[in-house]
N, C-alpha and C. Protein backbone atom coordinates (compact mmCIF):
# COMPACT_ATOMS: atom_id res chain seq x y z
N MET A 1 14.16 -40.12 -32.86
CA MET A 1 15.60 -39.25 -33.80
C MET A 1 17.17 -39.37 -33.86
N ALA A 2 17.98 -39.63 -34.52
CA ALA A 2 19.56 -40.04 -33.92
C ALA A 2 19.14 -38.35 -34.94
N ARG A 3 20.57 -37.83 -33.48
CA ARG A 3 21.64 -36.81 -34.23
C ARG A 3 23.06 -37.17 -34.13
N GLU A 4 24.12 -36.52 -35.19
CA GLU A 4 25.60 -36.31 -34.64
C GLU A 4 25.97 -35.37 -34.70
N LEU A 5 26.98 -35.02 -33.76
CA LEU A 5 27.29 -33.88 -33.68
C LEU A 5 28.90 -34.75 -33.02
N ILE A 6 29.34 -33.34 -33.15
CA ILE A 6 30.99 -33.27 -32.63
C ILE A 6 31.20 -31.77 -31.21
N CYS A 7 31.89 -32.99 -30.45
CA CYS A 7 31.80 -31.65 -29.32
C CYS A 7 33.07 -31.07 -29.45
N VAL A 8 32.72 -29.71 -29.24
CA VAL A 8 33.47 -28.56 -29.23
C VAL A 8 34.40 -28.27 -28.10
N CYS A 9 34.55 -29.23 -26.92
CA CYS A 9 35.02 -28.33 -25.35
C CYS A 9 36.15 -28.50 -24.85
N CYS A 10 36.46 -29.72 -26.41
CA CYS A 10 38.00 -29.87 -25.85
C CYS A 10 39.06 -30.07 -27.46
N PRO A 11 40.00 -30.49 -28.06
CA PRO A 11 40.53 -30.28 -28.91
C PRO A 11 40.22 -32.20 -29.29
N MET A 12 39.67 -32.61 -29.03
CA MET A 12 39.68 -33.86 -29.25
C MET A 12 38.92 -33.95 -30.40
N GLY A 13 37.53 -33.55 -30.12
CA GLY A 13 36.56 -33.02 -31.58
C GLY A 13 35.96 -34.34 -31.36
N CYS A 14 35.40 -35.07 -30.26
CA CYS A 14 34.83 -36.60 -29.62
C CYS A 14 33.39 -36.31 -31.13
N ARG A 15 32.60 -37.19 -31.55
CA ARG A 15 31.87 -37.67 -32.08
C ARG A 15 31.08 -38.21 -31.70
N ILE A 16 29.88 -37.25 -31.26
CA ILE A 16 28.41 -37.78 -30.25
C ILE A 16 27.56 -38.47 -30.90
N SER A 17 26.94 -39.56 -30.66
CA SER A 17 25.57 -40.00 -31.34
C SER A 17 24.49 -39.91 -29.44
N ALA A 18 23.83 -39.41 -30.46
CA ALA A 18 22.07 -38.49 -29.67
C ALA A 18 21.27 -39.00 -30.40
N ASP A 19 20.34 -40.02 -29.72
CA ASP A 19 18.91 -41.19 -29.79
C ASP A 19 18.43 -40.84 -29.07
N ASN A 20 17.04 -40.66 -29.42
CA ASN A 20 15.98 -40.19 -28.55
C ASN A 20 14.56 -41.04 -29.20
N SER A 21 15.04 -42.22 -29.59
CA SER A 21 13.71 -43.71 -30.09
C SER A 21 13.31 -43.43 -29.27
N GLY A 22 13.74 -44.32 -27.94
CA GLY A 22 13.08 -44.73 -27.13
C GLY A 22 12.45 -43.51 -25.78
N GLY A 23 12.43 -42.63 -26.30
CA GLY A 23 11.69 -40.85 -25.60
C GLY A 23 12.40 -40.44 -24.99
N SER A 24 13.44 -41.23 -24.52
CA SER A 24 14.56 -39.57 -23.50
C SER A 24 15.85 -40.46 -24.63
N TRP A 25 16.85 -39.58 -24.33
CA TRP A 25 18.31 -38.89 -25.16
C TRP A 25 19.01 -40.05 -24.21
N ASN A 26 19.46 -40.65 -25.51
CA ASN A 26 20.90 -41.63 -24.56
C ASN A 26 21.82 -41.16 -25.75
N PHE A 27 23.30 -41.04 -25.47
CA PHE A 27 24.64 -40.52 -26.22
C PHE A 27 25.45 -41.62 -26.08
N SER A 28 26.22 -40.85 -27.04
CA SER A 28 28.20 -42.40 -26.20
C SER A 28 29.22 -41.30 -27.68
N GLY A 29 29.88 -42.06 -27.51
CA GLY A 29 31.14 -41.59 -28.88
C GLY A 29 31.65 -40.48 -27.54
N TYR A 30 30.87 -40.36 -26.87
CA TYR A 30 32.01 -38.96 -25.67
C TYR A 30 33.27 -39.53 -24.77
N THR A 31 33.83 -38.70 -24.62
CA THR A 31 34.74 -39.45 -23.79
C THR A 31 35.23 -38.82 -22.74
N CYS A 32 34.59 -37.68 -22.06
CA CYS A 32 34.66 -37.70 -20.72
C CYS A 32 33.18 -36.16 -20.20
N LYS A 33 33.63 -36.28 -19.21
CA LYS A 33 31.87 -35.53 -18.53
C LYS A 33 31.45 -34.31 -19.96
N ARG A 34 32.48 -33.90 -19.65
CA ARG A 34 32.09 -32.13 -20.52
C ARG A 34 31.36 -32.55 -21.88
N GLY A 35 31.77 -33.68 -22.81
CA GLY A 35 31.54 -34.21 -23.56
C GLY A 35 29.55 -34.33 -23.59
N LEU A 36 29.56 -35.42 -23.03
CA LEU A 36 28.38 -35.39 -22.52
C LEU A 36 27.30 -34.27 -21.87
N GLU A 37 28.45 -33.38 -20.80
CA GLU A 37 27.12 -32.06 -21.05
C GLU A 37 26.54 -31.70 -22.12
N TYR A 38 28.08 -31.25 -23.08
CA TYR A 38 27.58 -30.78 -24.13
C TYR A 38 26.65 -30.90 -24.19
N ALA A 39 26.43 -31.93 -24.74
CA ALA A 39 25.96 -32.90 -25.81
C ALA A 39 24.60 -33.51 -25.61
N SER A 40 24.30 -32.84 -24.24
CA SER A 40 22.85 -32.65 -23.61
C SER A 40 22.06 -31.41 -24.01
N GLN A 41 23.26 -30.61 -23.56
CA GLN A 41 23.04 -29.43 -23.74
C GLN A 41 22.52 -28.45 -25.12
N GLU A 42 23.32 -29.17 -26.28
CA GLU A 42 23.50 -29.02 -28.04
C GLU A 42 21.67 -29.30 -27.65
N VAL A 43 21.08 -31.00 -27.58
CA VAL A 43 19.87 -30.93 -28.18
C VAL A 43 18.81 -30.37 -27.24
N ALA A 44 18.50 -29.88 -26.31
CA ALA A 44 17.98 -29.25 -25.30
C ALA A 44 17.93 -27.50 -25.84
N HIS A 45 18.54 -27.58 -25.68
CA HIS A 45 18.39 -26.24 -25.79
C HIS A 45 19.56 -25.03 -26.87
N PRO A 46 20.27 -25.04 -27.53
CA PRO A 46 21.28 -24.88 -28.70
C PRO A 46 21.87 -23.18 -28.01
N SER A 47 22.88 -22.98 -27.17
CA SER A 47 23.02 -21.91 -27.15
C SER A 47 24.59 -21.63 -28.07
N ARG A 48 25.33 -20.12 -29.03
CA ARG A 48 26.36 -19.41 -29.12
C ARG A 48 26.41 -18.30 -28.04
N VAL A 49 28.11 -18.31 -28.33
CA VAL A 49 28.89 -17.03 -28.31
C VAL A 49 28.62 -16.64 -29.59
N LEU A 50 28.31 -15.47 -28.85
CA LEU A 50 27.87 -14.01 -30.28
C LEU A 50 28.91 -13.28 -29.99
N THR A 51 29.59 -13.59 -31.35
CA THR A 51 31.19 -12.53 -31.68
C THR A 51 30.72 -10.92 -33.11
N ALA A 52 31.00 -9.90 -32.88
CA ALA A 52 31.20 -9.01 -33.49
C ALA A 52 31.43 -8.33 -33.61
N SER A 53 31.78 -6.88 -34.74
CA SER A 53 32.54 -5.58 -34.92
C SER A 53 30.62 -4.82 -35.43
N ILE A 54 31.51 -3.94 -34.32
CA ILE A 54 30.68 -3.25 -34.53
C ILE A 54 30.73 -1.31 -34.89
N PRO A 55 30.30 -0.70 -35.53
CA PRO A 55 31.08 0.98 -36.25
C PRO A 55 31.12 1.56 -35.19
N LEU A 56 32.14 2.45 -34.64
CA LEU A 56 32.34 3.46 -34.00
C LEU A 56 31.54 5.04 -34.55
N SER A 57 31.18 5.74 -33.44
CA SER A 57 30.33 6.56 -34.32
C SER A 57 31.32 7.60 -34.52
N ASN A 58 31.86 7.46 -34.40
CA ASN A 58 33.47 8.52 -34.40
C ASN A 58 34.95 8.35 -34.60
N ARG A 59 34.99 6.82 -35.68
CA ARG A 59 36.09 6.51 -35.81
C ARG A 59 35.92 5.45 -36.85
N SER A 60 37.07 5.61 -37.56
CA SER A 60 37.03 4.52 -39.04
C SER A 60 36.66 2.85 -38.03
N VAL A 61 37.54 2.71 -37.61
CA VAL A 61 37.74 1.06 -37.31
C VAL A 61 36.77 0.68 -36.04
N PRO A 62 36.25 -0.47 -36.06
CA PRO A 62 35.35 -1.21 -35.98
C PRO A 62 35.72 -1.55 -34.17
N VAL A 63 34.59 -1.56 -33.81
CA VAL A 63 35.35 -1.87 -31.92
C VAL A 63 35.28 -3.94 -32.45
N SER A 64 35.13 -4.80 -31.50
CA SER A 64 35.10 -6.16 -31.57
C SER A 64 34.11 -6.44 -29.99
N VAL A 65 33.30 -7.05 -30.46
CA VAL A 65 31.96 -7.66 -29.11
C VAL A 65 32.51 -8.80 -29.14
N LYS A 66 31.15 -9.95 -27.91
CA LYS A 66 31.29 -11.12 -27.60
C LYS A 66 30.31 -10.41 -26.89
N SER A 67 29.23 -11.74 -26.97
CA SER A 67 28.18 -12.17 -25.79
C SER A 67 28.82 -12.56 -24.05
N ALA A 68 28.72 -12.63 -23.31
CA ALA A 68 29.73 -12.74 -22.28
C ALA A 68 29.48 -14.17 -21.62
N SER A 69 27.81 -14.57 -22.42
CA SER A 69 27.43 -15.81 -21.57
C SER A 69 26.49 -15.64 -23.22
N PRO A 70 27.47 -17.71 -24.10
CA PRO A 70 25.73 -18.27 -24.90
C PRO A 70 24.69 -17.63 -24.63
N LEU A 71 24.73 -17.17 -25.86
CA LEU A 71 23.07 -16.79 -26.51
C LEU A 71 22.24 -18.29 -26.70
N PRO A 72 20.50 -17.95 -26.67
CA PRO A 72 20.12 -19.48 -27.06
C PRO A 72 20.30 -18.69 -29.23
N LYS A 73 20.25 -20.19 -29.01
CA LYS A 73 20.60 -20.05 -30.91
C LYS A 73 19.40 -18.98 -31.71
N GLU A 74 18.44 -19.56 -30.90
CA GLU A 74 17.22 -18.65 -32.31
C GLU A 74 16.90 -17.24 -31.96
N LEU A 75 17.72 -16.99 -30.90
CA LEU A 75 17.44 -15.13 -30.61
C LEU A 75 19.09 -14.76 -31.34
N LEU A 76 20.14 -15.49 -31.94
CA LEU A 76 20.82 -14.73 -32.08
C LEU A 76 20.73 -13.89 -34.17
N ILE A 77 19.86 -14.02 -34.87
CA ILE A 77 19.77 -12.91 -35.52
C ILE A 77 18.66 -11.64 -35.08
N SER A 78 17.82 -12.25 -33.85
CA SER A 78 17.13 -10.84 -33.33
C SER A 78 18.90 -9.96 -32.44
N ALA A 79 19.63 -10.23 -31.76
CA ALA A 79 20.74 -10.33 -31.28
C ALA A 79 21.70 -9.13 -31.75
N MET A 80 21.80 -9.56 -33.05
CA MET A 80 22.90 -9.02 -34.88
C MET A 80 21.44 -7.82 -34.83
N ARG A 81 19.77 -7.83 -34.53
CA ARG A 81 19.96 -6.61 -35.49
C ARG A 81 19.42 -5.51 -34.02
N GLN A 82 19.80 -5.96 -33.15
CA GLN A 82 19.61 -5.33 -31.75
C GLN A 82 21.27 -4.61 -31.97
N ILE A 83 22.69 -5.30 -31.92
CA ILE A 83 23.77 -4.79 -31.59
C ILE A 83 24.36 -3.15 -32.72
N LEU A 84 23.63 -4.16 -33.86
CA LEU A 84 23.92 -3.35 -35.34
C LEU A 84 23.22 -2.06 -34.83
N SER A 85 22.45 -1.99 -33.98
CA SER A 85 21.39 -0.66 -34.07
C SER A 85 22.38 0.55 -33.29
N LEU A 86 22.98 -0.42 -32.37
CA LEU A 86 23.62 0.48 -31.15
C LEU A 86 24.90 1.46 -32.10
N LYS A 87 24.41 2.86 -30.84
CA LYS A 87 25.33 4.04 -30.44
C LYS A 87 26.60 3.94 -30.47
N VAL A 88 27.94 3.62 -30.85
CA VAL A 88 28.95 4.15 -29.92
C VAL A 88 29.49 4.86 -29.72
N GLU A 89 30.85 5.46 -28.90
CA GLU A 89 31.53 5.79 -28.99
C GLU A 89 32.56 6.04 -28.58
N ALA A 90 33.95 5.97 -29.30
CA ALA A 90 35.25 5.84 -28.71
C ALA A 90 35.20 7.01 -27.62
N PRO A 91 36.57 6.32 -26.95
CA PRO A 91 37.03 5.03 -26.58
C PRO A 91 36.15 4.21 -26.08
N VAL A 92 36.63 3.18 -26.25
CA VAL A 92 35.79 1.98 -25.55
C VAL A 92 36.88 1.32 -25.25
N SER A 93 37.42 0.29 -24.08
CA SER A 93 38.55 -0.53 -23.59
C SER A 93 37.58 -2.05 -23.41
N ILE A 94 38.71 -2.36 -23.52
CA ILE A 94 38.31 -4.29 -23.78
C ILE A 94 37.64 -4.84 -22.29
N GLY A 95 36.41 -5.32 -22.45
CA GLY A 95 35.67 -5.47 -20.99
C GLY A 95 34.57 -4.69 -20.74
N GLN A 96 34.28 -3.69 -21.23
CA GLN A 96 33.44 -2.64 -21.17
C GLN A 96 32.08 -3.52 -21.73
N VAL A 97 30.99 -3.10 -21.32
CA VAL A 97 29.47 -3.18 -20.97
C VAL A 97 28.76 -2.18 -22.14
N LEU A 98 29.41 -2.88 -23.26
CA LEU A 98 27.97 -1.80 -24.18
C LEU A 98 26.70 -2.16 -23.95
N LEU A 99 26.51 -3.56 -24.10
CA LEU A 99 24.79 -3.75 -23.98
C LEU A 99 24.85 -4.00 -22.68
N LYS A 100 23.87 -4.46 -21.52
CA LYS A 100 23.67 -4.85 -20.48
C LYS A 100 22.51 -5.78 -20.94
N ASP A 101 21.93 -6.14 -21.15
CA ASP A 101 20.45 -6.99 -21.08
C ASP A 101 20.46 -7.19 -23.65
N VAL A 102 20.88 -7.91 -23.55
CA VAL A 102 20.83 -8.84 -25.04
C VAL A 102 19.17 -9.19 -25.05
N CYS A 103 18.83 -8.44 -25.89
CA CYS A 103 17.65 -9.43 -26.00
C CYS A 103 16.53 -10.27 -24.75
N GLY A 104 16.83 -9.10 -23.26
CA GLY A 104 15.80 -9.31 -22.49
C GLY A 104 16.58 -10.37 -22.24
N THR A 105 17.93 -11.22 -22.44
CA THR A 105 18.53 -12.39 -22.07
C THR A 105 19.08 -12.20 -19.94
N GLY A 106 18.89 -10.78 -19.70
CA GLY A 106 19.70 -10.83 -19.24
C GLY A 106 22.07 -11.09 -19.40
N ILE A 107 21.84 -11.75 -20.17
CA ILE A 107 23.04 -11.49 -21.33
C ILE A 107 24.29 -10.12 -21.47
N SER A 108 24.95 -9.66 -21.26
CA SER A 108 25.58 -7.87 -21.61
C SER A 108 26.43 -8.76 -22.71
N LEU A 109 26.44 -7.54 -23.79
CA LEU A 109 27.60 -7.81 -24.76
C LEU A 109 28.64 -6.99 -24.59
N ILE A 110 29.90 -7.31 -24.29
CA ILE A 110 31.45 -7.00 -24.27
C ILE A 110 32.22 -6.72 -25.43
N ALA A 111 33.07 -5.74 -24.90
CA ALA A 111 34.12 -5.07 -26.30
C ALA A 111 35.39 -6.35 -26.12
N THR A 112 36.03 -6.37 -26.89
CA THR A 112 36.85 -7.45 -26.82
C THR A 112 38.58 -7.46 -27.80
N SER A 113 38.37 -5.49 -28.06
CA SER A 113 39.14 -4.70 -27.79
C SER A 113 38.85 -3.54 -27.30
N ASP A 114 40.61 -2.34 -27.30
CA ASP A 114 40.34 -1.24 -26.90
C ASP A 114 40.34 -0.73 -28.40
N VAL A 115 39.62 0.68 -28.40
CA VAL A 115 39.70 1.94 -29.36
C VAL A 115 39.82 2.87 -28.73
N LEU A 116 40.50 3.63 -28.95
CA LEU A 116 41.35 5.20 -28.36
C LEU A 116 40.76 6.04 -28.92
């Protein structure tokens, strides 16, 4: 099975070919070590940093949030359900942990803005 990936590690956006027709993954088209690491991770177990905004119970302005580390891609929908069920009140400070363990991953959800 062959896959085409576009590396997101730097502005070059290398087009990486990933092929496992021989039983193990072979990569071509990357120009740096980060590209190879990205492609290897993406075919083995893709993950994404999750960004969102959530309402505050005592303000009309939501707070923007993100996962502190990439979450497994297959958990993103479940993570959003968990995040949207949070009851958060202002004030919220940038960097504040709003949820310590998103979907049992051990990854925190942090605020990316201040809301007074």
